[in-house]
Every structure is written in structure tokens, then in C-alpha cells.
Protein backbone atom coordinates (compact mmCIF):
# COMPACT_ATOMS: atom_id res chain seq x y z
CA UNK A 1 -0.03 0.00 0.02
CA UNK A 2 1.32 3.48 -0.90
CA UNK A 3 0.34 6.51 1.11
CA UNK A 4 1.61 10.00 2.09
CA UNK A 5 1.70 11.56 5.58
CA UNK A 6 1.95 15.30 6.13
CA UNK A 7 3.29 16.91 9.27
CA UNK A 8 4.53 20.34 10.43
CA UNK A 9 1.35 22.35 10.51
CA UNK A 10 0.29 24.57 13.26
CA UNK A 11 -0.34 28.15 14.27
CA UNK A 12 1.75 31.05 13.16
CA UNK A 13 1.47 34.85 13.20
CA UNK A 14 1.38 36.87 9.99
CA UNK A 15 4.99 37.23 8.88
CA UNK A 16 6.01 34.05 10.59
CA UNK A 17 7.30 30.74 9.08
CA UNK A 18 6.31 27.05 9.02
CA UNK A 19 7.90 23.99 7.35
CA UNK A 20 5.66 21.20 6.13
CA UNK A 21 6.93 17.71 5.55
CA UNK A 22 5.29 14.91 3.53
CA UNK A 23 6.70 11.42 3.82
CA UNK A 24 5.73 8.79 1.26
CA UNK A 25 5.90 4.96 1.32
CA UNK A 26 6.87 2.54 -1.40
CA UNK A 27 8.68 3.62 -4.55
CA UNK A 28 9.65 7.10 -5.37
CA UNK A 29 7.45 9.71 -7.06
CA UNK A 30 8.27 11.42 -10.25
CA UNK A 31 6.35 14.49 -9.10
CA UNK A 32 5.13 15.64 -5.79
CA UNK A 33 2.98 18.63 -5.06
CA UNK A 34 1.26 20.60 -2.33
CA UNK A 35 -2.41 21.78 -2.42
CA UNK A 36 -4.39 23.59 0.17
CA UNK A 37 -8.12 23.85 1.03
CA UNK A 38 -9.85 26.58 3.05
CA UNK A 39 -13.38 26.09 4.46
CA UNK A 40 -15.95 26.46 1.85
CA UNK A 41 -13.44 26.66 -1.00
CA UNK A 42 -12.22 24.19 -3.56
CA UNK A 43 -8.74 22.62 -3.29
CA UNK A 44 -6.16 25.08 -4.56
CA UNK A 45 -2.80 24.45 -6.14
CA UNK A 46 0.28 25.59 -4.19
CA UNK A 47 3.36 24.08 -5.69
CA UNK A 48 5.01 21.05 -7.27
CA UNK A 49 8.46 19.65 -7.85
CA UNK A 50 9.87 17.02 -10.26
CA UNK A 51 13.41 15.99 -11.16
CA UNK A 52 14.25 19.26 -12.85
CA UNK A 53 11.68 21.99 -12.16
CA UNK A 54 9.52 23.61 -9.57
CA UNK A 55 6.32 25.59 -10.00
CA UNK A 56 4.52 27.83 -7.67
CA UNK A 57 1.08 29.43 -7.53
CA UNK A 58 1.30 33.19 -8.05
CA UNK A 59 -0.10 33.65 -4.47
CA UNK A 60 2.96 32.03 -2.85
CA UNK A 61 5.83 32.99 -5.19
CA UNK A 62 8.70 34.50 -3.31
CA UNK A 63 7.41 33.22 -0.01
CA UNK A 64 7.15 29.43 -0.29
CA UNK A 65 9.92 27.06 -1.33
CA UNK A 66 9.36 23.42 -2.21
CA UNK A 67 12.02 20.75 -1.97
CA UNK A 68 12.49 16.96 -1.67
CA UNK A 69 15.05 14.45 -0.42
CA UNK A 70 17.24 12.22 -2.43
CA UNK A 71 14.91 9.25 -2.12
CA UNK A 72 12.25 11.29 -3.86
CA UNK A 73 9.67 10.00 -1.40
CA UNK A 74 9.56 13.00 0.87
CA UNK A 75 8.76 16.61 0.06
CA UNK A 76 8.99 19.80 2.10
CA UNK A 77 7.26 23.12 1.94
CA UNK A 78 9.06 25.96 3.55
CA UNK A 79 6.51 28.68 4.10
CA UNK A 80 7.91 32.19 4.98
CA UNK A 81 6.21 35.56 5.30
CA UNK A 82 2.85 33.80 6.09
CA UNK A 83 -0.41 35.67 5.62
CA UNK A 84 -3.83 35.04 7.11
CA UNK A 85 -5.03 34.04 3.70
CA UNK A 86 -2.59 31.12 3.82
CA UNK A 87 -4.81 29.51 6.45
CA UNK A 88 -5.97 26.11 5.15
CA UNK A 89 -5.57 22.38 5.39
CA UNK A 90 -2.45 21.60 3.27
CA UNK A 91 -2.31 18.33 1.30
CA UNK A 92 0.56 16.55 -0.15
CA UNK A 93 0.19 14.68 -3.40
CA UNK A 94 2.36 12.46 -5.68
CA UNK A 95 2.45 10.70 -8.95
CA UNK A 96 4.77 8.01 -10.26
CA UNK A 97 4.29 9.07 -13.89
CA UNK A 98 5.11 12.21 -15.75
CA UNK A 99 3.25 13.55 -18.85
CA UNK A 100 4.63 16.85 -20.24
CA UNK A 101 1.16 17.58 -21.78
CA UNK A 102 -0.56 17.45 -18.34
CA UNK A 103 -1.13 20.46 -16.10
CA UNK A 104 0.04 19.43 -12.69
CA UNK A 105 -1.68 22.40 -11.12
CA UNK A 106 -4.85 20.22 -11.32
CA UNK A 107 -5.53 18.03 -8.29
CA UNK A 108 -6.99 15.28 -10.37
CA UNK A 109 -3.59 14.49 -11.98
CA UNK A 110 -2.20 12.94 -8.70
CA UNK A 111 -2.73 9.40 -7.66
CA UNK A 112 -1.54 9.51 -4.08
CA UNK A 113 -2.59 11.92 -1.35
CA UNK A 114 -1.98 12.58 2.36
CA UNK A 115 -4.47 13.22 5.06
CA UNK A 116 -3.71 16.93 5.32
CA UNK A 117 -2.22 19.14 8.00
CA UNK A 118 -3.81 22.26 9.34
CA UNK A 119 -2.16 25.59 9.01
CA UNK A 120 -3.56 28.65 10.77
CA UNK A 121 -2.06 32.17 10.32
CA UNK A 122 -3.32 34.90 12.66
CA UNK A 123 -3.22 38.61 11.83
């Protein structure tokens, strides 16, 4: 069985920082990403990383940094300069395949998901 587990969420003040971790099981992932979902809203793309590239949503560019370890089973999201609008449940996702014609900003393109970790940012 393959699954992902997020950790590192919590409470931060505006301008503060948090680092999220996502640990996978089984074989490595070609691409891993982060999404978030606030109450009453649809799941929103945050960032993804593959073997050669990273991509960020405009809302987090310059503030968040995605990375992963050499096993390619764990990904991290360093969140700096947090804003109240970053408050959400953050989900890790992964796929073992890559298709250059696919838009990996879409949640439906990922096969594996974590349970989510809550991030709260106060003003």
C-alpha cells in the first residue's frame, strides 16, 4: 500500500514561518506537489516539484519554497512571510508518472494523497 503523511502544520502569526513535511511510502514519485483547501473553498494548487523543475502558484511565489530529499519519497514546503489568507488544510500529493502535456496544477492529476495538515495564520 502506498500513502503519504503530512506533518509540520500549526499556528503562526502573520509574517512568521512554518515548514511542512510529507513522507511517502513505497517507490519514489516522479512529481510531488502541495495543495491547500480553506473552509467552503475548492482545493487550490500551491506548488510542485519534479526531477528538474519547480512551479508555484502566484499567491505564494517568493514566500514558499518546495524541495524533496534524495529518495524522492519526501517533500517539504518551507513557508515564509505567512499571511492570514494562507490559512488552510495543506495536502501533499504524488504521481509516479510524468506527462509533459498534463497540467499538474490540477489536483486530479495526482494518484496519491496525504491526510492533510492544518495551518492557521493569525493577523
